[in-house]
C-alpha atoms as a PDB file:
ATOM      1  CA  MET A   1     -18.227  -1.861  -5.799  1.00  0.00           C
ATOM      2  CA  GLY A   2     -15.800   0.990  -6.171  1.00  0.00           C
ATOM      3  CA  SER A   3     -15.488   0.757  -9.962  1.00  0.00           C
ATOM      4  CA  ASP A   4     -17.194  -0.915 -12.903  1.00  0.00           C
ATOM      5  CA  SER A   5     -13.894  -2.737 -13.489  1.00  0.00           C
ATOM      6  CA  ASP A   6     -14.767  -4.747 -10.347  1.00  0.00           C
ATOM      7  CA  ALA A   7     -18.015  -6.072 -11.850  1.00  0.00           C
ATOM      8  CA  GLU A   8     -16.575  -9.346 -13.134  1.00  0.00           C
ATOM      9  CA  VAL A   9     -15.391 -10.410  -9.682  1.00  0.00           C
ATOM     10  CA  MET A  10     -18.345  -8.970  -7.775  1.00  0.00           C
ATOM     11  CA  SER A  11     -20.801 -10.744 -10.094  1.00  0.00           C
ATOM     12  CA  GLN A  12     -19.751 -13.931  -8.304  1.00  0.00           C
ATOM     13  CA  ALA A  13     -21.569 -12.616  -5.208  1.00  0.00           C
ATOM     14  CA  CYS A  14     -24.612 -11.995  -7.385  1.00  0.00           C
ATOM     15  CA  ALA A  15     -24.450 -15.535  -8.745  1.00  0.00           C
ATOM     16  CA  ALA A  16     -24.383 -16.995  -5.219  1.00  0.00           C
ATOM     17  CA  LEU A  17     -27.304 -14.801  -4.143  1.00  0.00           C
ATOM     18  CA  ASP A  18     -29.247 -15.758  -7.288  1.00  0.00           C
ATOM     19  CA  GLU A  19     -28.682 -19.458  -6.574  1.00  0.00           C
ATOM     20  CA  LEU A  20     -29.945 -18.995  -3.018  1.00  0.00           C
ATOM     21  CA  GLY A  21     -32.926 -16.850  -3.983  1.00  0.00           C
ATOM     22  CA  VAL A  22     -31.764 -13.740  -2.137  1.00  0.00           C
ATOM     23  CA  PRO A  23     -32.677 -10.407  -3.802  1.00  0.00           C
ATOM     24  CA  TYR A  24     -29.967  -7.777  -4.135  1.00  0.00           C
ATOM     25  CA  GLN A  25     -28.969  -4.571  -5.846  1.00  0.00           C
ATOM     26  CA  MET A  26     -25.557  -4.083  -7.454  1.00  0.00           C
ATOM     27  CA  SER A  27     -24.121  -0.631  -8.085  1.00  0.00           C
ATOM     28  CA  VAL A  28     -20.931   1.410  -8.348  1.00  0.00           C
ATOM     29  CA  ALA A  29     -20.003   4.032  -5.770  1.00  0.00           C
ATOM     30  CA  SER A  30     -16.586   5.262  -4.785  1.00  0.00           C
ATOM     31  CA  ALA A  31     -15.621   6.047  -1.210  1.00  0.00           C
ATOM     32  CA  HIS A  32     -13.353   8.788  -2.513  1.00  0.00           C
ATOM     33  CA  ARG A  33     -14.868  10.007  -5.779  1.00  0.00           C
ATOM     34  CA  SER A  34     -18.560   9.830  -4.829  1.00  0.00           C
ATOM     35  CA  PRO A  35     -19.020   9.668  -1.039  1.00  0.00           C
ATOM     36  CA  GLU A  36     -22.457  11.307  -1.293  1.00  0.00           C
ATOM     37  CA  ARG A  37     -23.581   8.595  -3.731  1.00  0.00           C
ATOM     38  CA  THR A  38     -22.256   5.932  -1.351  1.00  0.00           C
ATOM     39  CA  HIS A  39     -24.247   7.466   1.496  1.00  0.00           C
ATOM     40  CA  GLN A  40     -27.366   7.617  -0.692  1.00  0.00           C
ATOM     41  CA  ILE A  41     -27.060   3.948  -1.713  1.00  0.00           C
ATOM     42  CA  VAL A  42     -26.709   2.833   1.907  1.00  0.00           C
ATOM     43  CA  THR A  43     -29.577   5.048   3.094  1.00  0.00           C
ATOM     44  CA  GLU A  44     -31.873   3.851   0.319  1.00  0.00           C
ATOM     45  CA  GLY A  45     -30.808   0.254   0.883  1.00  0.00           C
ATOM     46  CA  GLU A  46     -31.734   0.453   4.550  1.00  0.00           C
ATOM     47  CA  ARG A  47     -35.035   2.136   3.674  1.00  0.00           C
ATOM     48  CA  ASP A  48     -35.785  -0.663   1.190  1.00  0.00           C
ATOM     49  CA  GLY A  49     -35.045  -3.400   3.739  1.00  0.00           C
ATOM     50  CA  ALA A  50     -31.428  -4.383   3.081  1.00  0.00           C
ATOM     51  CA  ALA A  51     -30.243  -6.794   5.752  1.00  0.00           C
ATOM     52  CA  VAL A  52     -26.550  -6.746   4.824  1.00  0.00           C
ATOM     53  CA  PHE A  53     -24.187  -4.865   2.528  1.00  0.00           C
ATOM     54  CA  ILE A  54     -21.347  -6.309   0.434  1.00  0.00           C
ATOM     55  CA  ALA A  55     -18.688  -3.816  -0.620  1.00  0.00           C
ATOM     56  CA  GLY A  56     -15.845  -4.717  -2.945  1.00  0.00           C
ATOM     57  CA  ALA A  57     -12.845  -2.460  -3.357  1.00  0.00           C
ATOM     58  CA  GLY A  58      -9.208  -2.614  -4.315  1.00  0.00           C
ATOM     59  CA  MET A  59      -6.067  -0.740  -3.362  1.00  0.00           C
ATOM     60  CA  ALA A  60      -6.892   1.507  -0.361  1.00  0.00           C
ATOM     61  CA  ALA A  61     -10.257  -0.327  -0.170  1.00  0.00           C
ATOM     62  CA  HIS A  62     -12.040   2.299   1.876  1.00  0.00           C
ATOM     63  CA  LEU A  63     -15.482   1.537   0.459  1.00  0.00           C
ATOM     64  CA  PRO A  64     -16.400  -1.238   2.941  1.00  0.00           C
ATOM     65  CA  GLY A  65     -15.428   0.970   5.882  1.00  0.00           C
ATOM     66  CA  VAL A  66     -17.271   3.976   4.521  1.00  0.00           C
ATOM     67  CA  VAL A  67     -20.374   1.836   3.989  1.00  0.00           C
ATOM     68  CA  ALA A  68     -20.024   0.572   7.579  1.00  0.00           C
ATOM     69  CA  SER A  69     -19.802   4.154   8.819  1.00  0.00           C
ATOM     70  CA  PHE A  70     -23.256   4.844   7.352  1.00  0.00           C
ATOM     71  CA  THR A  71     -25.092   1.777   8.736  1.00  0.00           C
ATOM     72  CA  THR A  72     -25.376  -0.570  11.679  1.00  0.00           C
ATOM     73  CA  LYS A  73     -26.262  -3.447   9.321  1.00  0.00           C
ATOM     74  CA  PRO A  74     -23.550  -6.053   8.730  1.00  0.00           C
ATOM     75  CA  VAL A  75     -21.016  -5.126   6.051  1.00  0.00           C
ATOM     76  CA  ILE A  76     -18.919  -7.694   4.212  1.00  0.00           C
ATOM     77  CA  GLY A  77     -15.804  -6.400   2.508  1.00  0.00           C
ATOM     78  CA  VAL A  78     -14.384  -8.060  -0.581  1.00  0.00           C
ATOM     79  CA  PRO A  79     -10.743  -7.053  -1.053  1.00  0.00           C
ATOM     80  CA  LEU A  80      -9.958  -6.896  -4.760  1.00  0.00           C
ATOM     81  CA  SER A  81      -6.639  -7.294  -6.514  1.00  0.00           C
ATOM     82  CA  GLY A  82      -5.543  -4.899  -9.208  1.00  0.00           C
ATOM     83  CA  SER A  83      -2.703  -3.067  -7.561  1.00  0.00           C
ATOM     84  CA  ALA A  84       1.026  -3.715  -7.483  1.00  0.00           C
ATOM     85  CA  LEU A  85       0.406  -5.486  -4.158  1.00  0.00           C
ATOM     86  CA  GLN A  86      -2.105  -7.906  -5.769  1.00  0.00           C
ATOM     87  CA  GLY A  87      -4.879  -7.187  -3.268  1.00  0.00           C
ATOM     88  CA  VAL A  88      -2.896  -7.501  -0.046  1.00  0.00           C
ATOM     89  CA  ASP A  89      -3.246  -3.732   0.443  1.00  0.00           C
ATOM     90  CA  ALA A  90      -7.018  -4.040   0.021  1.00  0.00           C
ATOM     91  CA  LEU A  91      -7.167  -6.970   2.455  1.00  0.00           C
ATOM     92  CA  TYR A  92      -5.344  -4.975   5.119  1.00  0.00           C
ATOM     93  CA  ALA A  93      -7.594  -1.962   4.545  1.00  0.00           C
ATOM     94  CA  VAL A  94     -10.728  -4.088   4.982  1.00  0.00           C
ATOM     95  CA  VAL A  95      -9.650  -5.977   8.102  1.00  0.00           C
ATOM     96  CA  GLN A  96      -7.960  -3.084   9.937  1.00  0.00           C
ATOM     97  CA  MET A  97     -11.124  -1.226  10.879  1.00  0.00           C
ATOM     98  CA  PRO A  98     -11.207   0.904  14.031  1.00  0.00           C
ATOM     99  CA  PRO A  99     -13.020  -0.389  17.118  1.00  0.00           C
ATOM    100  CA  GLY A 100     -16.775   0.063  16.864  1.00  0.00           C
ATOM    101  CA  ILE A 101     -17.008  -0.040  13.053  1.00  0.00           C
ATOM    102  CA  PRO A 102     -16.511  -3.707  12.133  1.00  0.00           C
ATOM    103  CA  VAL A 103     -16.369  -5.024   8.594  1.00  0.00           C
ATOM    104  CA  ALA A 104     -16.356  -8.758   7.926  1.00  0.00           C
ATOM    105  CA  SER A 105     -13.863  -9.814   5.270  1.00  0.00           C
ATOM    106  CA  VAL A 106     -13.557 -12.637   2.811  1.00  0.00           C
ATOM    107  CA  ALA A 107     -10.485 -13.638   0.819  1.00  0.00           C
ATOM    108  CA  ILE A 108      -8.990 -11.448  -1.863  1.00  0.00           C
ATOM    109  CA  GLY A 109     -11.425 -11.780  -4.762  1.00  0.00           C
ATOM    110  CA  GLY A 110     -13.746 -13.891  -2.588  1.00  0.00           C
ATOM    111  CA  ALA A 111     -16.994 -12.380  -3.799  1.00  0.00           C
ATOM    112  CA  ARG A 112     -18.771 -15.739  -4.018  1.00  0.00           C
ATOM    113  CA  ASN A 113     -18.148 -16.359  -0.332  1.00  0.00           C
ATOM    114  CA  ALA A 114     -19.362 -12.824   0.394  1.00  0.00           C
ATOM    115  CA  GLY A 115     -22.639 -13.687  -1.305  1.00  0.00           C
ATOM    116  CA  ILE A 116     -22.948 -16.918   0.660  1.00  0.00           C
ATOM    117  CA  LEU A 117     -22.117 -15.160   3.939  1.00  0.00           C
ATOM    118  CA  ALA A 118     -24.719 -12.498   3.177  1.00  0.00           C
ATOM    119  CA  ALA A 119     -27.262 -15.258   2.550  1.00  0.00           C
ATOM    120  CA  GLN A 120     -26.328 -16.859   5.883  1.00  0.00           C
ATOM    121  CA  ILE A 121     -26.986 -13.549   7.622  1.00  0.00           C
ATOM    122  CA  VAL A 122     -30.349 -13.244   5.853  1.00  0.00           C
ATOM    123  CA  ALA A 123     -31.109 -16.874   6.775  1.00  0.00           C
ATOM    124  CA  THR A 124     -31.108 -16.018  10.482  1.00  0.00           C
ATOM    125  CA  ALA A 125     -34.538 -14.472   9.863  1.00  0.00           C
ATOM    126  CA  ASP A 126     -35.643 -16.309   6.700  1.00  0.00           C
ATOM    127  CA  THR A 127     -36.244 -20.053   6.947  1.00  0.00           C
ATOM    128  CA  ALA A 128     -36.601 -20.460   3.171  1.00  0.00           C
ATOM    129  CA  VAL A 129     -33.086 -19.078   2.607  1.00  0.00           C
ATOM    130  CA  ALA A 130     -31.805 -21.255   5.465  1.00  0.00           C
ATOM    131  CA  SER A 131     -33.315 -24.303   3.763  1.00  0.00           C
ATOM    132  CA  ARG A 132     -31.711 -23.426   0.422  1.00  0.00           C
ATOM    133  CA  LEU A 133     -28.336 -23.000   2.148  1.00  0.00           C
ATOM    134  CA  LYS A 134     -28.670 -26.489   3.649  1.00  0.00           C
ATOM    135  CA  GLU A 135     -29.584 -27.905   0.227  1.00  0.00           C
ATOM    136  CA  ASN A 136     -26.538 -26.165  -1.242  1.00  0.00           C
ATOM    137  CA  ARG A 137     -24.267 -27.750   1.375  1.00  0.00           C
ATOM    138  CA  THR A 138     -25.759 -31.179   0.724  1.00  0.00           C
ATOM    139  CA  ALA A 139     -25.174 -30.753  -3.020  1.00  0.00           C
ATOM    140  CA  MET A 140     -21.550 -29.713  -2.419  1.00  0.00           C
ATOM    141  CA  ALA A 141     -20.945 -32.805  -0.282  1.00  0.00           C
ATOM    142  CA  ALA A 142     -22.481 -35.035  -2.958  1.00  0.00           C
ATOM    143  CA  ALA A 143     -20.249 -33.422  -5.590  1.00  0.00           C
ATOM    144  CA  VAL A 144     -17.150 -34.145  -3.498  1.00  0.00           C
ATOM    145  CA  ALA A 145     -18.192 -37.790  -3.087  1.00  0.00           C
ATOM    146  CA  SER A 146     -18.798 -38.098  -6.833  1.00  0.00           C
ATOM    147  CA  LYS A 147     -15.403 -36.582  -7.676  1.00  0.00           C
ATOM    148  CA  SER A 148     -13.729 -38.892  -5.189  1.00  0.00           C
ATOM    149  CA  LYS A 149     -15.244 -41.976  -6.819  1.00  0.00           C
ATOM    150  CA  ARG A 150     -13.720 -40.921 -10.146  1.00  0.00           C
ATOM    151  CA  VAL A 151     -10.199 -40.713  -8.756  1.00  0.00           C
ATOM    152  CA  GLU A 152     -10.169 -43.302  -5.940  1.00  0.00           C
ATOM    153  CA  LYS A 153      -7.515 -45.994  -6.146  1.00  0.00           C
ATOM    154  CA  SER A 154      -6.436 -48.688  -3.779  1.00  0.00           C
ATOM    155  CA  THR A 155      -3.341 -50.799  -3.477  1.00  0.00           C
ATOM    156  CA  ARG A 156      -5.150 -53.603  -1.690  1.00  0.00           C
END
């Protein structure tokens, strides 16, 4: 993430990865204030076997693109609010990448979905993670059915 002030939102990605048993590393690096640190984190991540990177940033939101410039691994950008434009500026920055340097994007503040998407990418080569994702989906469906039973009404 670009700043420690983003930790609360980005911890939602960590929670999803924890639930799915996917190891990760969380750190702060700024595309503008510490580009060398960003490069080092990506290089070390690749060396240590990272399969995907999640980068959260607000305002100009260059961090996901800078991370993508340093790797050919998938990069998921999490646009963060916190500006006068409430994250729309960050969303545009993440999705408007130049040809050849793609960055996947989730919703503004959508760190949980970024964690799940990262797990889905990992699951293409890890059957245990794939199994946990399927269990998670089954549990979500059961929760919806349970909630529906509590509110169902009929006029018949």
